[in-house]
Amino acid sequence: MPSAGECAGEEFAAFAGIGTLTSYLVLFISFYFATYKKDRKAPNTRKTLRRMSQAPLPDPHAIASASHSMQAQATGSKRANGATTRSRKA
């Protein structure tokens, strides 16, 4: 307790610290139960692998073109062949 012994702190600071640490403990316990103590059955590894192998793959050309267009918007300039230019001014 704050009044026990020789302590150079304020009582309000001690109670605020106790409240803060208690709230951290409650939040951690709720996180633990929500994350690790789920009552659902774990999926079968073979079924999961089968679902992953049947999933469609993303188109690499669409990803590359989206990446280039985002870079062009960020720099604000574009060359005729689609390559972005950088300003030498810093």
Protein backbone atom coordinates (compact mmCIF):
# COMPACT_ATOMS: atom_id res chain seq x y z
CA MET A 1 0.00 0.00 0.00
CA PRO A 2 1.15 3.56 -0.56
CA SER A 3 1.28 4.51 3.14
CA ALA A 4 3.36 1.48 4.21
CA GLY A 5 7.05 2.29 4.74
CA GLU A 6 9.19 5.16 3.58
CA CYS A 7 8.17 6.00 0.03
CA ALA A 8 8.66 9.32 -1.77
CA GLY A 9 5.63 8.89 -4.05
CA GLU A 10 2.13 10.33 -4.03
CA GLU A 11 -0.84 8.15 -3.07
CA PHE A 12 -2.63 9.07 -6.29
CA ALA A 13 0.33 7.83 -8.36
CA ALA A 14 0.36 4.51 -6.49
CA PHE A 15 -3.37 3.95 -7.01
CA ALA A 16 -3.15 5.01 -10.65
CA GLY A 17 -0.33 2.50 -11.16
CA ILE A 18 -2.33 -0.26 -9.48
CA GLY A 19 -5.31 0.55 -11.70
CA THR A 20 -3.20 0.58 -14.86
CA LEU A 21 -1.49 -2.72 -14.07
CA THR A 22 -4.81 -4.34 -13.17
CA SER A 23 -6.33 -3.24 -16.48
CA TYR A 24 -3.29 -4.68 -18.33
CA LEU A 25 -3.78 -7.98 -16.53
CA VAL A 26 -7.49 -8.11 -17.40
CA LEU A 27 -6.80 -7.24 -21.05
CA PHE A 28 -4.07 -9.87 -21.30
CA ILE A 29 -6.27 -12.59 -19.79
CA SER A 30 -9.13 -11.77 -22.18
CA PHE A 31 -6.69 -11.78 -25.12
CA TYR A 32 -5.31 -15.16 -24.05
CA PHE A 33 -8.73 -16.77 -23.83
CA ALA A 34 -9.89 -15.24 -27.10
CA THR A 35 -6.75 -16.34 -28.96
CA TYR A 36 -5.64 -19.65 -27.48
CA LYS A 37 -8.63 -21.20 -25.76
CA LYS A 38 -11.03 -21.56 -28.66
CA ASP A 39 -13.45 -24.48 -28.49
CA ARG A 40 -13.47 -25.18 -32.18
CA LYS A 41 -11.96 -28.26 -33.67
CA ALA A 42 -8.66 -27.82 -35.51
CA PRO A 43 -8.99 -28.42 -39.27
CA ASN A 44 -7.54 -31.53 -40.79
CA THR A 45 -4.13 -30.85 -42.34
CA ARG A 46 -4.88 -32.85 -45.46
CA LYS A 47 -8.12 -30.93 -46.12
CA THR A 48 -6.36 -27.61 -45.56
CA LEU A 49 -3.60 -28.50 -48.03
CA ARG A 50 -6.17 -29.62 -50.58
CA ARG A 51 -8.02 -26.30 -50.27
CA MET A 52 -4.76 -24.38 -50.62
CA SER A 53 -3.75 -26.32 -53.75
CA GLN A 54 -7.12 -25.57 -55.39
CA ALA A 55 -7.03 -21.85 -54.63
CA PRO A 56 -6.57 -19.59 -57.65
CA LEU A 57 -3.21 -17.90 -58.06
CA PRO A 58 -3.01 -14.13 -58.49
CA ASP A 59 -2.08 -12.80 -61.93
CA PRO A 60 1.51 -11.47 -61.70
CA HIS A 61 0.93 -9.05 -64.62
CA ALA A 62 -2.03 -7.44 -62.85
CA ILE A 63 0.01 -7.07 -59.66
CA ALA A 64 2.92 -5.51 -61.56
CA SER A 65 0.71 -3.03 -63.42
CA ALA A 66 -1.05 -2.03 -60.20
CA SER A 67 2.32 -1.51 -58.54
CA HIS A 68 3.55 0.67 -61.42
CA SER A 69 0.38 2.77 -61.43
CA MET A 70 0.66 3.33 -57.66
CA GLN A 71 4.27 4.44 -58.07
CA ALA A 72 3.29 6.81 -60.88
CA GLN A 73 0.59 8.37 -58.72
CA ALA A 74 3.06 8.79 -55.88
CA THR A 75 5.65 10.59 -58.00
CA GLY A 76 3.18 12.40 -60.26
CA SER A 77 5.14 11.85 -63.48
CA LYS A 78 5.24 9.14 -66.10
CA ARG A 79 7.30 8.48 -69.23
CA ALA A 80 5.86 7.35 -72.55
CA ASN A 81 6.88 3.72 -72.01
CA GLY A 82 5.22 3.58 -68.61
CA ALA A 83 8.35 3.96 -66.47
CA THR A 84 8.20 6.51 -63.72
CA THR A 85 10.77 9.27 -63.38
CA ARG A 86 12.29 10.67 -60.23
CA SER A 87 13.10 14.25 -59.56
CA ARG A 88 16.73 15.02 -58.79
CA LYS A 89 15.72 17.86 -56.52
CA ALA A 90 15.68 16.90 -52.89
